[in-house]
Amino acid sequence: MTDPIDPTRPGQPGVDIPDARGRTGLDRTGRELTGNPRVRVKDVRLLSSNWHVFRANTLEYQRADGVWETQHRETYDRGNGATILLYSLEKRTVLLTRQFRYPAYVNGHADGNLIETAAGLLDDDDDPLTAIRREAREETGHEIGEVSPVFEAYMSPGSVTEKLFFFAAPYSPDTRMDAGGGLADEGEEIELLEIDIDEALGRIGVDIIDAKTIMLLQWAALSGPFRRVPGA
């Protein structure tokens, strides 16, 4: 993270001069919002825009009793993302990944290696479907065919702006194009795991503790490809 930005000084990266990604006006986000008449955004201060964007926001919020109160909220904008559950009905398996996640490691995870569904952030001009096809290929080596949208969800709405788009798609030996494993020049070293769906469900809360992965596994069992049909 870069040093906090002082809004009283001219020439602030991300404000009135381009930051490392060529962006300006990042202190304007939120000021134009009018969708909720009980919210008035009064000030947006850019704290950092090293890559993702960290803001301090001041707003007025009207309580149910009509009283307006001033609130201060910090938001972390890392863009939106997409994730996908790759599954095989024939084998009753799912294809997951395992990789090192420093934020989990620094917050008490024993070794920081998390089991997850393939996922990634949307690039600037990406739509979610384009992004997840790219991420699936990079991480798993599978060139997926038909993709089913599942749902959308805000993963940590108390402070992180990200919305995650969830997908599912079948995989097979025919969709395998290469070894996958992620992009080495982006610091990725991804291990592929093919796991029986019942085993994966049983490992939720044990060593499958990533939220998006848990959500997709439970969807797959409750209403997705592995749902139990009454009477079947």
Protein backbone atom coordinates (compact mmCIF):
# COMPACT_ATOMS: atom_id res chain seq x y z
CA MET A 1 0.00 0.00 0.00
CA THR A 2 1.25 3.48 -0.79
CA ASP A 3 1.50 6.23 1.81
CA PRO A 4 -1.86 7.81 2.70
CA ILE A 5 -2.85 10.57 0.30
CA ASP A 6 -3.03 14.11 1.63
CA PRO A 7 -6.00 15.80 -0.12
CA THR A 8 -4.67 19.27 0.80
CA ARG A 9 -1.63 18.86 -1.47
CA PRO A 10 -1.90 19.35 -5.23
CA GLY A 11 -0.88 16.62 -7.62
CA GLN A 12 -2.23 13.56 -5.82
CA PRO A 13 -1.98 10.23 -7.68
CA GLY A 14 -5.43 8.92 -8.46
CA VAL A 15 -7.03 12.29 -7.73
CA ASP A 16 -5.78 14.94 -10.15
CA ILE A 17 -2.80 13.13 -11.67
CA PRO A 18 -2.70 9.52 -12.92
CA ASP A 19 -1.83 6.78 -10.45
CA ALA A 20 0.15 3.65 -11.33
CA ARG A 21 -2.79 2.39 -13.41
CA GLY A 22 -3.42 5.72 -15.12
CA ARG A 23 -6.53 6.59 -13.11
CA THR A 24 -7.71 9.99 -11.88
CA GLY A 25 -10.85 11.18 -10.11
CA LEU A 26 -10.92 8.23 -7.73
CA ASP A 27 -12.09 10.56 -4.97
CA ARG A 28 -15.36 11.15 -6.88
CA THR A 29 -16.75 7.63 -6.58
CA GLY A 30 -19.92 7.57 -4.49
CA ARG A 31 -20.60 11.30 -4.57
CA GLU A 32 -23.13 10.89 -7.39
CA LEU A 33 -25.25 8.23 -5.67
CA THR A 34 -28.97 9.06 -5.35
CA GLY A 35 -30.63 5.65 -5.13
CA ASN A 36 -31.26 5.78 -1.38
CA PRO A 37 -32.90 9.04 -0.18
CA ARG A 38 -31.81 8.26 3.38
CA VAL A 39 -28.12 8.44 2.41
CA ARG A 40 -26.16 11.60 1.53
CA VAL A 41 -22.48 11.16 0.65
CA LYS A 42 -20.67 14.23 1.97
CA ASP A 43 -17.00 13.46 1.39
CA VAL A 44 -14.77 10.83 -0.22
CA ARG A 45 -11.07 10.80 0.62
CA LEU A 46 -8.62 8.64 -1.30
CA LEU A 47 -6.25 6.84 1.08
CA SER A 48 -4.42 4.60 -1.37
CA SER A 49 -4.54 3.51 -5.00
CA ASN A 50 -1.40 1.44 -5.30
CA TRP A 51 -3.38 -1.16 -7.29
CA HIS A 52 -6.77 -1.52 -5.62
CA VAL A 53 -8.48 1.53 -4.13
CA PHE A 54 -8.86 2.35 -0.44
CA ARG A 55 -11.22 5.22 0.48
CA ALA A 56 -12.44 6.98 3.62
CA ASN A 57 -16.06 8.04 3.17
CA THR A 58 -18.20 10.44 5.19
CA LEU A 59 -21.96 10.15 4.80
CA GLU A 60 -25.15 11.25 6.45
CA TYR A 61 -27.66 8.50 7.20
CA GLN A 62 -31.27 9.08 8.19
CA ARG A 63 -32.37 6.72 10.92
CA ALA A 64 -35.88 5.23 11.11
CA ASP A 65 -36.86 7.91 13.64
CA GLY A 66 -36.00 10.61 11.10
CA VAL A 67 -32.79 11.77 12.76
CA TRP A 68 -29.79 12.30 10.46
CA GLU A 69 -26.46 11.06 11.78
CA THR A 70 -22.95 11.35 10.37
CA GLN A 71 -21.18 8.07 9.68
CA HIS A 72 -17.65 7.27 8.58
CA ARG A 73 -17.01 4.19 6.46
CA GLU A 74 -13.85 2.87 4.84
CA THR A 75 -14.21 0.95 1.58
CA TYR A 76 -11.73 -1.28 -0.21
CA ASP A 77 -12.40 -1.50 -3.95
CA ARG A 78 -10.58 -4.40 -5.61
CA GLY A 79 -13.03 -4.63 -8.49
CA ASN A 80 -15.50 -7.44 -9.07
CA GLY A 81 -14.65 -11.10 -9.52
CA ALA A 82 -15.91 -14.42 -10.84
CA THR A 83 -15.64 -18.01 -9.68
CA ILE A 84 -16.65 -21.37 -11.14
CA LEU A 85 -17.33 -24.89 -9.94
CA LEU A 86 -16.09 -27.45 -12.47
CA TYR A 87 -17.87 -30.78 -12.04
CA SER A 88 -18.14 -34.21 -13.60
CA LEU A 89 -21.51 -35.95 -13.31
CA GLU A 90 -20.08 -39.17 -14.67
CA LYS A 91 -17.36 -39.37 -12.03
CA ARG A 92 -19.29 -37.44 -9.32
CA THR A 93 -16.27 -35.23 -8.78
CA VAL A 94 -15.42 -31.54 -8.60
CA LEU A 95 -12.19 -29.89 -9.69
CA LEU A 96 -10.77 -27.54 -7.07
CA THR A 97 -7.48 -25.71 -6.61
CA ARG A 98 -5.06 -25.24 -3.75
CA GLN A 99 -2.80 -22.20 -3.47
CA PHE A 100 -1.07 -20.04 -0.88
CA ARG A 101 -3.08 -17.08 0.40
CA TYR A 102 -1.03 -14.67 2.50
CA PRO A 103 -4.03 -12.83 4.07
CA ALA A 104 -5.32 -16.17 5.42
CA TYR A 105 -1.83 -17.13 6.61
CA VAL A 106 -1.33 -13.86 8.49
CA ASN A 107 -4.79 -14.27 10.07
CA GLY A 108 -4.10 -17.61 11.70
CA HIS A 109 -4.34 -20.26 8.96
CA ALA A 110 -1.66 -22.85 9.66
CA ASP A 111 0.13 -22.73 6.30
CA GLY A 112 -2.00 -20.36 4.19
CA ASN A 113 -2.78 -22.99 1.55
CA LEU A 114 -6.50 -22.82 0.79
CA ILE A 115 -8.69 -25.17 -1.24
CA GLU A 116 -10.87 -23.14 -3.60
CA THR A 117 -12.91 -23.07 -6.75
CA ALA A 118 -11.16 -21.45 -9.70
CA ALA A 119 -11.61 -17.68 -9.52
CA GLY A 120 -10.20 -14.32 -10.45
CA LEU A 121 -10.84 -10.62 -10.72
CA LEU A 122 -12.47 -9.04 -13.73
CA ASP A 123 -10.07 -7.03 -15.84
CA ASP A 124 -11.06 -3.45 -16.66
CA ASP A 125 -13.08 -4.30 -19.78
CA ASP A 126 -14.12 -7.83 -18.82
CA ASP A 127 -17.59 -9.24 -18.54
CA PRO A 128 -17.90 -12.00 -15.89
CA LEU A 129 -18.25 -14.83 -18.42
CA THR A 130 -15.13 -13.81 -20.32
CA ALA A 131 -13.21 -13.51 -17.05
CA ILE A 132 -14.20 -16.91 -15.70
CA ARG A 133 -13.40 -18.71 -18.95
CA ARG A 134 -9.92 -17.18 -18.82
CA GLU A 135 -9.41 -17.99 -15.16
CA ALA A 136 -10.61 -21.57 -15.55
CA ARG A 137 -8.13 -22.14 -18.38
CA GLU A 138 -5.22 -20.50 -16.55
CA GLU A 139 -5.81 -22.25 -13.23
CA THR A 140 -7.12 -25.68 -14.25
CA GLY A 141 -6.04 -26.09 -17.87
CA HIS A 142 -9.62 -26.81 -18.94
CA GLU A 143 -11.23 -25.04 -21.91
CA ILE A 144 -14.79 -25.09 -20.65
CA GLY A 145 -17.83 -25.22 -22.94
CA GLU A 146 -21.32 -24.27 -21.82
CA VAL A 147 -21.27 -22.25 -18.61
CA SER A 148 -24.25 -21.88 -16.24
CA PRO A 149 -24.65 -18.68 -14.20
CA VAL A 150 -25.51 -19.61 -10.61
CA PHE A 151 -25.89 -16.38 -8.59
CA GLU A 152 -24.16 -13.15 -7.59
CA ALA A 153 -23.11 -12.21 -4.05
CA TYR A 154 -21.34 -9.50 -2.08
CA MET A 155 -18.69 -11.37 -0.12
CA SER A 156 -17.75 -8.86 2.59
CA PRO A 157 -20.17 -5.92 2.29
CA GLY A 158 -19.10 -4.27 5.53
CA SER A 159 -15.94 -2.90 3.93
CA VAL A 160 -15.17 -4.55 0.56
CA THR A 161 -17.10 -3.37 -2.50
CA GLU A 162 -16.48 -6.54 -4.55
CA LYS A 163 -19.39 -8.44 -6.08
CA LEU A 164 -18.62 -12.02 -7.06
CA PHE A 165 -20.26 -13.76 -10.02
CA PHE A 166 -20.72 -17.51 -9.50
CA PHE A 167 -20.76 -20.04 -12.34
CA ALA A 168 -20.69 -23.80 -12.90
CA ALA A 169 -19.64 -25.94 -15.86
CA PRO A 170 -18.91 -29.57 -16.60
CA TYR A 171 -15.39 -30.77 -17.27
CA SER A 172 -14.04 -33.96 -18.84
CA PRO A 173 -10.82 -35.32 -20.33
CA ASP A 174 -11.89 -33.69 -23.60
CA THR A 175 -11.85 -30.19 -22.06
CA ARG A 176 -8.31 -30.55 -20.69
CA MET A 177 -5.97 -28.46 -22.83
CA ASP A 178 -2.89 -28.13 -20.61
CA ALA A 179 -1.64 -28.57 -17.06
CA GLY A 180 -3.04 -25.30 -15.72
CA GLY A 181 -1.46 -24.15 -12.49
CA GLY A 182 -1.85 -20.40 -12.93
CA LEU A 183 0.52 -17.76 -14.25
CA ALA A 184 4.03 -17.90 -12.86
CA ASP A 185 4.69 -14.25 -13.76
CA GLU A 186 1.80 -13.30 -11.45
CA GLY A 187 3.23 -15.35 -8.60
CA GLU A 188 0.69 -18.16 -8.97
CA GLU A 189 1.54 -21.75 -8.11
CA ILE A 190 -1.74 -23.66 -8.17
CA GLU A 191 -2.29 -27.33 -7.43
CA LEU A 192 -5.31 -29.10 -8.92
CA LEU A 193 -7.48 -31.36 -6.77
CA GLU A 194 -10.12 -33.72 -8.14
CA ILE A 195 -12.40 -34.61 -5.24
CA ASP A 196 -15.52 -36.75 -4.91
CA ILE A 197 -18.49 -34.45 -4.29
CA ASP A 198 -19.55 -36.25 -1.11
CA GLU A 199 -16.01 -36.08 0.21
CA ALA A 200 -15.81 -32.37 -0.64
CA LEU A 201 -19.07 -31.70 1.21
CA GLY A 202 -17.74 -33.59 4.22
CA ARG A 203 -14.58 -31.47 4.26
CA ILE A 204 -16.50 -28.19 4.56
CA GLY A 205 -15.37 -26.58 7.78
CA VAL A 206 -12.39 -28.94 8.03
CA ASP A 207 -9.96 -27.99 5.29
CA ILE A 208 -12.43 -26.46 2.85
CA ILE A 209 -12.94 -23.12 4.57
CA ASP A 210 -13.11 -20.68 1.66
CA ALA A 211 -16.51 -18.98 1.47
CA LYS A 212 -17.05 -19.01 -2.30
CA THR A 213 -16.10 -22.68 -2.48
CA ILE A 214 -18.47 -23.64 0.34
CA MET A 215 -21.28 -21.72 -1.34
CA LEU A 216 -20.81 -23.45 -4.69
CA LEU A 217 -20.46 -26.91 -3.16
CA GLN A 218 -23.65 -26.47 -1.17
CA TRP A 219 -25.46 -25.13 -4.22
CA ALA A 220 -24.30 -28.16 -6.23
CA ALA A 221 -25.72 -30.52 -3.61
CA LEU A 222 -28.96 -28.64 -2.90
CA SER A 223 -30.10 -27.44 -6.31
CA GLY A 224 -27.23 -27.97 -8.74
CA PRO A 225 -25.87 -30.95 -10.65
CA PHE A 226 -25.62 -33.27 -7.62
CA ARG A 227 -29.03 -32.55 -6.12
CA ARG A 228 -31.04 -35.56 -5.00
CA VAL A 229 -34.25 -35.97 -6.98
CA PRO A 230 -37.12 -37.27 -4.78
CA GLY A 231 -38.08 -40.78 -5.79
CA ALA A 232 -35.02 -41.28 -7.95
